[in-house]
N, C-alpha and C. Protein backbone atom coordinates (compact mmCIF):
# COMPACT_ATOMS: atom_id res chain seq x y z
N MET A 1 80.94 35.13 210.90
CA MET A 1 80.74 34.84 212.27
C MET A 1 80.54 36.14 213.07
N VAL A 2 79.57 36.14 213.95
CA VAL A 2 79.39 37.32 214.84
C VAL A 2 79.98 36.95 216.19
N ALA A 3 80.81 37.82 216.75
CA ALA A 3 81.33 37.66 218.09
C ALA A 3 80.94 38.89 218.85
N ILE A 4 80.44 38.61 220.10
CA ILE A 4 80.02 39.66 220.94
C ILE A 4 80.60 39.52 222.33
N GLN A 5 81.24 40.61 222.88
CA GLN A 5 81.75 40.63 224.18
C GLN A 5 80.88 41.53 225.01
N PHE A 6 80.35 41.12 226.10
CA PHE A 6 79.40 41.82 226.90
C PHE A 6 80.01 42.63 228.05
N VAL A 7 79.85 43.92 228.07
CA VAL A 7 80.45 44.70 229.17
C VAL A 7 79.32 45.11 230.17
N ALA A 8 78.09 44.73 229.81
CA ALA A 8 76.95 44.93 230.72
C ALA A 8 75.93 43.90 230.34
N ASP A 9 74.94 43.69 231.23
CA ASP A 9 73.88 42.67 230.91
C ASP A 9 73.13 43.22 229.61
N CYS A 10 72.81 42.29 228.76
CA CYS A 10 72.20 42.66 227.52
C CYS A 10 71.37 41.51 226.83
N TRP A 11 70.16 41.73 226.67
CA TRP A 11 69.30 40.83 225.91
C TRP A 11 69.77 40.72 224.46
N THR A 12 69.96 39.56 223.91
CA THR A 12 70.55 39.39 222.59
C THR A 12 69.78 38.38 221.76
N GLN A 13 69.52 38.71 220.47
CA GLN A 13 68.92 37.80 219.63
C GLN A 13 69.60 37.80 218.29
N VAL A 14 69.93 36.70 217.78
CA VAL A 14 70.54 36.61 216.42
C VAL A 14 69.68 35.62 215.54
N THR A 15 69.23 36.14 214.34
CA THR A 15 68.44 35.43 213.41
C THR A 15 69.21 35.26 212.04
N ASP A 16 69.14 34.04 211.49
CA ASP A 16 69.82 33.87 210.27
C ASP A 16 68.93 34.27 209.04
N ALA A 17 69.46 34.13 207.89
CA ALA A 17 68.80 34.59 206.58
C ALA A 17 67.43 33.92 206.37
N SER A 18 67.27 32.71 206.91
CA SER A 18 66.04 31.95 206.71
C SER A 18 64.92 32.35 207.74
N GLY A 19 65.35 33.18 208.69
CA GLY A 19 64.41 33.62 209.80
C GLY A 19 64.52 32.73 211.07
N LYS A 20 65.42 31.79 210.98
CA LYS A 20 65.61 30.90 212.22
C LYS A 20 66.32 31.69 213.29
N VAL A 21 65.78 31.63 214.50
CA VAL A 21 66.47 32.28 215.64
C VAL A 21 67.54 31.38 216.14
N LEU A 22 68.74 31.83 216.02
CA LEU A 22 70.01 31.09 216.45
C LEU A 22 70.25 31.27 217.90
N VAL A 23 69.99 32.50 218.47
CA VAL A 23 70.24 32.82 219.85
C VAL A 23 69.19 33.78 220.30
N SER A 24 68.65 33.51 221.48
CA SER A 24 67.71 34.48 222.10
C SER A 24 67.94 34.34 223.59
N VAL A 25 68.75 35.26 224.22
CA VAL A 25 69.20 35.01 225.55
C VAL A 25 69.63 36.28 226.21
N LEU A 26 69.51 36.32 227.52
CA LEU A 26 70.04 37.47 228.29
C LEU A 26 71.42 37.09 228.70
N LYS A 27 72.42 37.87 228.18
CA LYS A 27 73.86 37.60 228.50
C LYS A 27 74.22 38.57 229.62
N ARG A 28 75.13 38.19 230.48
CA ARG A 28 75.64 38.93 231.61
C ARG A 28 76.96 39.57 231.31
N GLN A 29 77.21 40.67 232.06
CA GLN A 29 78.49 41.39 232.00
C GLN A 29 79.60 40.34 232.17
N GLY A 30 80.60 40.40 231.27
CA GLY A 30 81.71 39.47 231.27
C GLY A 30 81.55 38.26 230.34
N ASP A 31 80.34 37.99 229.94
CA ASP A 31 80.04 36.91 229.02
C ASP A 31 80.60 37.24 227.58
N SER A 32 80.68 36.21 226.74
CA SER A 32 80.91 36.36 225.30
C SER A 32 80.12 35.39 224.60
N LEU A 33 79.93 35.70 223.30
CA LEU A 33 79.09 34.80 222.40
C LEU A 33 79.62 34.85 221.05
N GLN A 34 79.70 33.71 220.39
CA GLN A 34 80.08 33.54 218.95
C GLN A 34 78.95 32.77 218.27
N VAL A 35 78.44 33.35 217.19
CA VAL A 35 77.36 32.73 216.45
C VAL A 35 77.76 32.71 214.93
N THR A 36 77.64 31.56 214.33
CA THR A 36 77.81 31.42 212.87
C THR A 36 76.48 30.95 212.27
N GLY A 37 76.10 31.56 211.14
CA GLY A 37 74.91 31.10 210.45
C GLY A 37 74.85 31.65 209.10
N LYS A 38 73.74 31.35 208.35
CA LYS A 38 73.63 31.83 206.90
C LYS A 38 73.37 33.32 206.97
N ALA A 39 74.23 34.08 206.30
CA ALA A 39 74.09 35.52 206.26
C ALA A 39 73.01 35.93 205.30
N PRO A 40 72.38 37.14 205.40
CA PRO A 40 72.75 38.06 206.46
C PRO A 40 72.09 37.64 207.84
N LEU A 41 72.89 37.94 208.89
CA LEU A 41 72.47 37.73 210.21
C LEU A 41 71.82 38.99 210.76
N GLU A 42 70.66 38.87 211.36
CA GLU A 42 69.98 39.97 212.01
C GLU A 42 70.29 39.93 213.44
N LEU A 43 70.81 41.02 214.00
CA LEU A 43 71.20 41.08 215.35
C LEU A 43 70.36 42.18 216.10
N ARG A 44 69.76 41.72 217.18
CA ARG A 44 68.99 42.68 218.07
C ARG A 44 69.62 42.66 219.49
N LEU A 45 69.82 43.83 219.95
CA LEU A 45 70.45 44.04 221.31
C LEU A 45 69.55 44.84 222.20
N GLY A 46 69.20 44.44 223.34
CA GLY A 46 68.36 45.09 224.23
C GLY A 46 69.05 46.31 224.92
N TYR A 47 70.40 46.25 225.08
CA TYR A 47 71.16 47.33 225.69
C TYR A 47 72.41 47.41 224.88
N ALA A 48 72.38 48.26 223.76
CA ALA A 48 73.45 48.22 222.81
C ALA A 48 74.79 48.62 223.43
N ARG A 49 74.81 49.53 224.35
CA ARG A 49 76.04 49.95 224.94
C ARG A 49 76.74 48.84 225.80
N GLY A 50 76.03 47.76 226.07
CA GLY A 50 76.49 46.68 226.85
C GLY A 50 77.19 45.60 226.04
N ALA A 51 77.23 45.80 224.73
CA ALA A 51 77.82 44.76 223.82
C ALA A 51 78.86 45.35 222.89
N GLN A 52 79.98 44.68 222.69
CA GLN A 52 80.98 45.05 221.66
C GLN A 52 80.93 43.97 220.64
N VAL A 53 80.46 44.34 219.46
CA VAL A 53 80.19 43.41 218.35
C VAL A 53 81.30 43.42 217.29
N SER A 54 81.69 42.28 216.86
CA SER A 54 82.54 42.17 215.64
C SER A 54 81.95 41.13 214.65
N TYR A 55 82.13 41.35 213.36
CA TYR A 55 81.69 40.48 212.39
C TYR A 55 82.86 40.05 211.41
N ASN A 56 83.10 38.74 211.38
CA ASN A 56 84.28 38.24 210.64
C ASN A 56 85.56 38.87 211.08
N GLY A 57 85.75 39.15 212.38
CA GLY A 57 86.99 39.73 212.92
C GLY A 57 87.02 41.15 212.93
N GLN A 58 86.07 41.89 212.26
CA GLN A 58 86.08 43.37 212.21
C GLN A 58 85.12 43.98 213.14
N PRO A 59 85.53 44.96 213.94
CA PRO A 59 84.61 45.62 214.82
C PRO A 59 83.44 46.29 214.11
N VAL A 60 82.29 46.33 214.72
CA VAL A 60 81.10 46.88 214.14
C VAL A 60 80.77 48.14 214.95
N ASP A 61 80.60 49.23 214.30
CA ASP A 61 80.21 50.46 214.87
C ASP A 61 78.72 50.49 215.05
N MET A 62 78.21 50.47 216.27
CA MET A 62 76.81 50.35 216.53
C MET A 62 75.98 51.65 216.48
N THR A 63 76.71 52.76 216.51
CA THR A 63 76.03 54.06 216.71
C THR A 63 74.91 54.31 215.71
N SER A 64 75.05 53.99 214.37
CA SER A 64 74.04 54.26 213.49
C SER A 64 72.86 53.35 213.59
N PHE A 65 72.99 52.21 214.25
CA PHE A 65 71.97 51.26 214.43
C PHE A 65 71.24 51.30 215.70
N THR A 66 71.66 52.18 216.58
CA THR A 66 71.08 52.32 217.97
C THR A 66 69.99 53.33 218.07
N ARG A 67 68.91 52.93 218.61
CA ARG A 67 67.80 53.86 218.85
C ARG A 67 67.46 53.74 220.35
N GLY A 68 67.65 54.78 221.12
CA GLY A 68 67.50 54.68 222.54
C GLY A 68 68.55 53.73 223.16
N GLU A 69 68.05 52.72 223.83
CA GLU A 69 69.00 51.77 224.38
C GLU A 69 69.25 50.45 223.47
N THR A 70 68.36 50.33 222.45
CA THR A 70 68.38 49.11 221.72
C THR A 70 69.07 49.29 220.37
N ALA A 71 69.48 48.22 219.76
CA ALA A 71 70.11 48.23 218.44
C ALA A 71 69.54 47.11 217.59
N ARG A 72 69.42 47.35 216.31
CA ARG A 72 68.97 46.36 215.40
C ARG A 72 69.68 46.49 214.13
N LEU A 73 70.36 45.46 213.63
CA LEU A 73 71.14 45.56 212.39
C LEU A 73 71.26 44.16 211.73
N LYS A 74 71.64 44.32 210.42
CA LYS A 74 71.88 43.08 209.62
C LYS A 74 73.38 43.09 209.31
N LEU A 75 73.98 41.97 209.47
CA LEU A 75 75.42 41.80 209.14
C LEU A 75 75.61 40.79 207.98
N GLY A 76 76.50 41.11 207.06
CA GLY A 76 76.77 40.20 205.99
C GLY A 76 75.79 40.35 204.80
N GLN A 77 75.31 41.55 204.53
CA GLN A 77 74.36 41.76 203.42
C GLN A 77 75.10 41.86 202.18
């Protein structure tokens, strides 16, 4: 399960292993999101610093996945 807490507005997309888009939405500061799907889950964030991500209860360090303001990563590989 991916859990995201938003500290700023952030466009968010989560895609499962089959390529199905589970979530594609602009989340607002203070929002949270929990997504479960077939791993690996691909996560795209439009404003990476605006999101605090955890996968199966463990925090995810986004720094190596962030380019400019955006982040793109796969969880559960």
